[in-house]
Amino acid sequence: PAELRAQYDAIRTPFAETGSPNLPA
């Protein structure tokens, strides 16, 4: 759900630490 997606994106650990890009779904 769009609202939850926005909330999650706000707390993600940066790419420089995880090597995980911000991916869809």
PDB file of all heavy atoms in Angstrom:
ATOM      1  N   PRO A   1       0.845  -1.200   0.000  1.00  0.00           N
ATOM      2  CA  PRO A   1       0.000   0.000   0.000  1.00  0.00           C
ATOM      3  C   PRO A   1       0.880   1.249   0.000  1.00  0.00           C
ATOM      4  O   PRO A   1       1.926   1.285   0.664  1.00  0.00           O
ATOM      5  CB  PRO A   1      -0.785  -0.133   1.318  1.00  0.00           C
ATOM      6  CG  PRO A   1      -0.810  -1.610   1.607  1.00  0.00           C
ATOM      7  CD  PRO A   1       0.509  -2.123   1.097  1.00  0.00           C
ATOM      8  N   ALA A   2       0.469   2.243  -0.761  1.00  0.00           N
ATOM      9  CA  ALA A   2       1.308   3.424  -0.984  1.00  0.00           C
ATOM     10  C   ALA A   2       1.736   4.100   0.312  1.00  0.00           C
ATOM     11  O   ALA A   2       2.903   4.511   0.463  1.00  0.00           O
ATOM     12  CB  ALA A   2       0.562   4.408  -1.876  1.00  0.00           C
ATOM     13  N   GLU A   3       0.836   4.223   1.272  1.00  0.00           N
ATOM     14  CA  GLU A   3       1.172   4.900   2.526  1.00  0.00           C
ATOM     15  C   GLU A   3       2.236   4.123   3.296  1.00  0.00           C
ATOM     16  O   GLU A   3       3.206   4.708   3.815  1.00  0.00           O
ATOM     17  CB  GLU A   3      -0.083   5.061   3.386  1.00  0.00           C
ATOM     18  CG  GLU A   3       0.176   5.806   4.686  1.00  0.00           C
ATOM     19  CD  GLU A   3      -1.097   5.988   5.518  1.00  0.00           C
ATOM     20  OE1 GLU A   3      -2.192   5.671   5.017  1.00  0.00           O
ATOM     21  OE2 GLU A   3      -0.967   6.446   6.666  1.00  0.00           O
ATOM     22  N   LEU A   4       2.085   2.804   3.335  1.00  0.00           N
ATOM     23  CA  LEU A   4       3.075   1.979   4.031  1.00  0.00           C
ATOM     24  C   LEU A   4       4.419   2.012   3.304  1.00  0.00           C
ATOM     25  O   LEU A   4       5.477   2.014   3.937  1.00  0.00           O
ATOM     26  CB  LEU A   4       2.576   0.534   4.145  1.00  0.00           C
ATOM     27  CG  LEU A   4       1.473   0.279   5.166  1.00  0.00           C
ATOM     28  CD1 LEU A   4       1.070  -1.185   5.156  1.00  0.00           C
ATOM     29  CD2 LEU A   4       1.923   0.681   6.561  1.00  0.00           C
ATOM     30  N   ARG A   5       4.361   2.039   1.973  1.00  0.00           N
ATOM     31  CA  ARG A   5       5.592   2.099   1.207  1.00  0.00           C
ATOM     32  C   ARG A   5       6.375   3.374   1.546  1.00  0.00           C
ATOM     33  O   ARG A   5       7.600   3.338   1.727  1.00  0.00           O
ATOM     34  CB  ARG A   5       5.275   2.065  -0.291  1.00  0.00           C
ATOM     35  CG  ARG A   5       6.489   2.076  -1.188  1.00  0.00           C
ATOM     36  CD  ARG A   5       7.126   0.713  -1.266  1.00  0.00           C
ATOM     37  NE  ARG A   5       8.547   0.767  -1.030  1.00  0.00           N
ATOM     38  CZ  ARG A   5       9.367  -0.267  -1.208  1.00  0.00           C
ATOM     39  NH1 ARG A   5       8.883  -1.429  -1.615  1.00  0.00           N
ATOM     40  NH2 ARG A   5      10.641  -0.164  -0.963  1.00  0.00           N
ATOM     41  N   ALA A   6       5.667   4.483   1.638  1.00  0.00           N
ATOM     42  CA  ALA A   6       6.322   5.751   1.964  1.00  0.00           C
ATOM     43  C   ALA A   6       6.913   5.705   3.363  1.00  0.00           C
ATOM     44  O   ALA A   6       8.024   6.216   3.605  1.00  0.00           O
ATOM     45  CB  ALA A   6       5.323   6.899   1.832  1.00  0.00           C
ATOM     46  N   GLN A   7       6.191   5.104   4.302  1.00  0.00           N
ATOM     47  CA  GLN A   7       6.697   4.990   5.669  1.00  0.00           C
ATOM     48  C   GLN A   7       7.958   4.128   5.713  1.00  0.00           C
ATOM     49  O   GLN A   7       8.925   4.456   6.419  1.00  0.00           O
ATOM     50  CB  GLN A   7       5.622   4.395   6.579  1.00  0.00           C
ATOM     51  CG  GLN A   7       4.417   5.289   6.800  1.00  0.00           C
ATOM     52  CD  GLN A   7       3.313   4.583   7.573  1.00  0.00           C
ATOM     53  OE1 GLN A   7       3.490   3.475   8.095  1.00  0.00           O
ATOM     54  NE2 GLN A   7       2.145   5.215   7.645  1.00  0.00           N
ATOM     55  N   TYR A   8       7.941   3.037   4.966  1.00  0.00           N
ATOM     56  CA  TYR A   8       9.101   2.154   4.966  1.00  0.00           C
ATOM     57  C   TYR A   8      10.308   2.838   4.320  1.00  0.00           C
ATOM     58  O   TYR A   8      11.430   2.755   4.842  1.00  0.00           O
ATOM     59  CB  TYR A   8       8.790   0.848   4.227  1.00  0.00           C
ATOM     60  CG  TYR A   8       9.992  -0.071   4.154  1.00  0.00           C
ATOM     61  CD1 TYR A   8      10.440  -0.741   5.280  1.00  0.00           C
ATOM     62  CD2 TYR A   8      10.721  -0.215   2.966  1.00  0.00           C
ATOM     63  CE1 TYR A   8      11.568  -1.543   5.233  1.00  0.00           C
ATOM     64  CE2 TYR A   8      11.844  -1.018   2.906  1.00  0.00           C
ATOM     65  CZ  TYR A   8      12.268  -1.683   4.049  1.00  0.00           C
ATOM     66  OH  TYR A   8      13.386  -2.460   4.000  1.00  0.00           O
ATOM     67  N   ASP A   9      10.084   3.505   3.205  1.00  0.00           N
ATOM     68  CA  ASP A   9      11.187   4.181   2.516  1.00  0.00           C
ATOM     69  C   ASP A   9      11.879   5.193   3.431  1.00  0.00           C
ATOM     70  O   ASP A   9      13.089   5.430   3.316  1.00  0.00           O
ATOM     71  CB  ASP A   9      10.680   4.884   1.260  1.00  0.00           C
ATOM     72  CG  ASP A   9      10.318   3.898   0.148  1.00  0.00           C
ATOM     73  OD1 ASP A   9      10.665   2.709   0.270  1.00  0.00           O
ATOM     74  OD2 ASP A   9       9.684   4.323  -0.838  1.00  0.00           O
ATOM     75  N   ALA A  10      11.115   5.768   4.350  1.00  0.00           N
ATOM     76  CA  ALA A  10      11.663   6.788   5.243  1.00  0.00           C
ATOM     77  C   ALA A  10      12.600   6.196   6.300  1.00  0.00           C
ATOM     78  O   ALA A  10      13.407   6.925   6.884  1.00  0.00           O
ATOM     79  CB  ALA A  10      10.527   7.546   5.923  1.00  0.00           C
ATOM     80  N   ILE A  11      12.521   4.891   6.548  1.00  0.00           N
ATOM     81  CA  ILE A  11      13.339   4.300   7.622  1.00  0.00           C
ATOM     82  C   ILE A  11      14.428   3.372   7.091  1.00  0.00           C
ATOM     83  O   ILE A  11      15.215   2.828   7.870  1.00  0.00           O
ATOM     84  CB  ILE A  11      12.464   3.524   8.624  1.00  0.00           C
ATOM     85  CG1 ILE A  11      11.804   2.316   7.956  1.00  0.00           C
ATOM     86  CG2 ILE A  11      11.419   4.440   9.257  1.00  0.00           C
ATOM     87  CD1 ILE A  11      11.144   1.356   8.939  1.00  0.00           C
ATOM     88  N   ARG A  12      14.499   3.186   5.764  1.00  0.00           N
ATOM     89  CA  ARG A  12      15.481   2.251   5.207  1.00  0.00           C
ATOM     90  C   ARG A  12      16.910   2.687   5.541  1.00  0.00           C
ATOM     91  O   ARG A  12      17.223   3.870   5.572  1.00  0.00           O
ATOM     92  CB  ARG A  12      15.355   2.166   3.681  1.00  0.00           C
ATOM     93  CG  ARG A  12      14.103   1.510   3.178  1.00  0.00           C
ATOM     94  CD  ARG A  12      14.063   1.480   1.657  1.00  0.00           C
ATOM     95  NE  ARG A  12      15.134   0.643   1.104  1.00  0.00           N
ATOM     96  CZ  ARG A  12      16.166   1.106   0.414  1.00  0.00           C
ATOM     97  NH1 ARG A  12      16.283   2.400   0.172  1.00  0.00           N
ATOM     98  NH2 ARG A  12      17.082   0.264  -0.059  1.00  0.00           N
ATOM     99  N   THR A  13      17.767   1.691   5.768  1.00  0.00           N
ATOM    100  CA  THR A  13      19.192   1.950   5.937  1.00  0.00           C
ATOM    101  C   THR A  13      19.776   2.339   4.581  1.00  0.00           C
ATOM    102  O   THR A  13      19.412   1.749   3.562  1.00  0.00           O
ATOM    103  CB  THR A  13      19.892   0.690   6.479  1.00  0.00           C
ATOM    104  OG1 THR A  13      19.252   0.283   7.686  1.00  0.00           O
ATOM    105  CG2 THR A  13      21.357   0.961   6.757  1.00  0.00           C
ATOM    106  N   PRO A  14      20.693   3.296   4.527  1.00  0.00           N
ATOM    107  CA  PRO A  14      21.230   3.766   3.236  1.00  0.00           C
ATOM    108  C   PRO A  14      21.925   2.663   2.439  1.00  0.00           C
ATOM    109  O   PRO A  14      22.502   1.728   2.996  1.00  0.00           O
ATOM    110  CB  PRO A  14      22.223   4.854   3.649  1.00  0.00           C
ATOM    111  CG  PRO A  14      21.752   5.323   4.982  1.00  0.00           C
ATOM    112  CD  PRO A  14      21.179   4.115   5.651  1.00  0.00           C
ATOM    113  N   PHE A  15      21.891   2.828   1.124  1.00  0.00           N
ATOM    114  CA  PHE A  15      22.512   1.897   0.182  1.00  0.00           C
ATOM    115  C   PHE A  15      23.988   1.670   0.484  1.00  0.00           C
ATOM    116  O   PHE A  15      24.510   0.565   0.343  1.00  0.00           O
ATOM    117  CB  PHE A  15      22.332   2.443  -1.237  1.00  0.00           C
ATOM    118  CG  PHE A  15      22.984   1.631  -2.318  1.00  0.00           C
ATOM    119  CD1 PHE A  15      22.383   0.486  -2.807  1.00  0.00           C
ATOM    120  CD2 PHE A  15      24.199   2.031  -2.872  1.00  0.00           C
ATOM    121  CE1 PHE A  15      22.975  -0.264  -3.822  1.00  0.00           C
ATOM    122  CE2 PHE A  15      24.795   1.284  -3.886  1.00  0.00           C
ATOM    123  CZ  PHE A  15      24.180   0.142  -4.348  1.00  0.00           C
ATOM    124  N   ALA A  16      24.677   2.718   0.931  1.00  0.00           N
ATOM    125  CA  ALA A  16      26.107   2.606   1.192  1.00  0.00           C
ATOM    126  C   ALA A  16      26.424   1.547   2.238  1.00  0.00           C
ATOM    127  O   ALA A  16      27.503   0.958   2.232  1.00  0.00           O
ATOM    128  CB  ALA A  16      26.659   3.959   1.643  1.00  0.00           C
ATOM    129  N   GLU A  17      25.485   1.285   3.137  1.00  0.00           N
ATOM    130  CA  GLU A  17      25.692   0.264   4.166  1.00  0.00           C
ATOM    131  C   GLU A  17      25.229  -1.116   3.716  1.00  0.00           C
ATOM    132  O   GLU A  17      25.902  -2.124   3.959  1.00  0.00           O
ATOM    133  CB  GLU A  17      24.957   0.635   5.457  1.00  0.00           C
ATOM    134  CG  GLU A  17      25.106  -0.424   6.555  1.00  0.00           C
ATOM    135  CD  GLU A  17      24.311  -0.102   7.808  1.00  0.00           C
ATOM    136  OE1 GLU A  17      24.071   1.095   8.078  1.00  0.00           O
ATOM    137  OE2 GLU A  17      23.924  -1.054   8.526  1.00  0.00           O
ATOM    138  N   THR A  18      24.072  -1.171   3.046  1.00  0.00           N
ATOM    139  CA  THR A  18      23.456  -2.473   2.756  1.00  0.00           C
ATOM    140  C   THR A  18      23.737  -2.998   1.352  1.00  0.00           C
ATOM    141  O   THR A  18      23.613  -4.194   1.109  1.00  0.00           O
ATOM    142  CB  THR A  18      21.932  -2.386   2.920  1.00  0.00           C
ATOM    143  OG1 THR A  18      21.408  -1.473   1.928  1.00  0.00           O
ATOM    144  CG2 THR A  18      21.539  -1.914   4.314  1.00  0.00           C
ATOM    145  N   GLY A  19      24.076  -2.088   0.408  1.00  0.00           N
ATOM    146  CA  GLY A  19      24.179  -2.516  -0.983  1.00  0.00           C
ATOM    147  C   GLY A  19      22.842  -2.901  -1.575  1.00  0.00           C
ATOM    148  O   GLY A  19      22.780  -3.487  -2.659  1.00  0.00           O
ATOM    149  N   SER A  20      21.747  -2.569  -0.895  1.00  0.00           N
ATOM    150  CA  SER A  20      20.398  -2.879  -1.375  1.00  0.00           C
ATOM    151  C   SER A  20      19.778  -1.629  -1.984  1.00  0.00           C
ATOM    152  O   SER A  20      19.532  -0.651  -1.269  1.00  0.00           O
ATOM    153  CB  SER A  20      19.495  -3.355  -0.222  1.00  0.00           C
ATOM    154  OG  SER A  20      19.906  -4.575   0.296  1.00  0.00           O
ATOM    155  N   PRO A  21      19.502  -1.629  -3.281  1.00  0.00           N
ATOM    156  CA  PRO A  21      18.795  -0.488  -3.865  1.00  0.00           C
ATOM    157  C   PRO A  21      17.346  -0.482  -3.406  1.00  0.00           C
ATOM    158  O   PRO A  21      16.819  -1.501  -2.949  1.00  0.00           O
ATOM    159  CB  PRO A  21      18.892  -0.754  -5.369  1.00  0.00           C
ATOM    160  CG  PRO A  21      19.027  -2.242  -5.481  1.00  0.00           C
ATOM    161  CD  PRO A  21      19.790  -2.683  -4.264  1.00  0.00           C
ATOM    162  N   ASN A  22      16.729   0.652  -3.509  1.00  0.00           N
ATOM    163  CA  ASN A  22      15.309   0.772  -3.161  1.00  0.00           C
ATOM    164  C   ASN A  22      14.490   0.214  -4.323  1.00  0.00           C
ATOM    165  O   ASN A  22      14.311   0.862  -5.344  1.00  0.00           O
ATOM    166  CB  ASN A  22      14.954   2.237  -2.906  1.00  0.00           C
ATOM    167  CG  ASN A  22      13.561   2.389  -2.310  1.00  0.00           C
ATOM    168  OD1 ASN A  22      12.816   1.420  -2.212  1.00  0.00           O
ATOM    169  ND2 ASN A  22      13.226   3.596  -1.917  1.00  0.00           N
ATOM    170  N   LEU A  23      13.998  -1.004  -4.153  1.00  0.00           N
ATOM    171  CA  LEU A  23      13.344  -1.720  -5.242  1.00  0.00           C
ATOM    172  C   LEU A  23      11.830  -1.699  -5.084  1.00  0.00           C
ATOM    173  O   LEU A  23      11.306  -1.519  -3.981  1.00  0.00           O
ATOM    174  CB  LEU A  23      13.847  -3.165  -5.275  1.00  0.00           C
ATOM    175  CG  LEU A  23      15.351  -3.324  -5.546  1.00  0.00           C
ATOM    176  CD1 LEU A  23      15.779  -4.778  -5.392  1.00  0.00           C
ATOM    177  CD2 LEU A  23      15.708  -2.811  -6.926  1.00  0.00           C
ATOM    178  N   PRO A  24      11.112  -1.900  -6.187  1.00  0.00           N
ATOM    179  CA  PRO A  24       9.651  -1.856  -6.118  1.00  0.00           C
ATOM    180  C   PRO A  24       9.068  -3.083  -5.426  1.00  0.00           C
ATOM    181  O   PRO A  24       9.755  -4.076  -5.176  1.00  0.00           O
ATOM    182  CB  PRO A  24       9.235  -1.817  -7.594  1.00  0.00           C
ATOM    183  CG  PRO A  24      10.355  -2.489  -8.313  1.00  0.00           C
ATOM    184  CD  PRO A  24      11.598  -2.119  -7.556  1.00  0.00           C
ATOM    185  N   ALA A  25       7.773  -2.968  -5.133  1.00  0.00           N
ATOM    186  CA  ALA A  25       7.003  -4.065  -4.534  1.00  0.00           C
ATOM    187  C   ALA A  25       7.726  -4.590  -3.289  1.00  0.00           C
ATOM    188  O   ALA A  25       8.201  -3.810  -2.471  1.00  0.00           O
ATOM    189  CB  ALA A  25       6.754  -5.157  -5.570  1.00  0.00           C
TER     190      ALA A  25
END
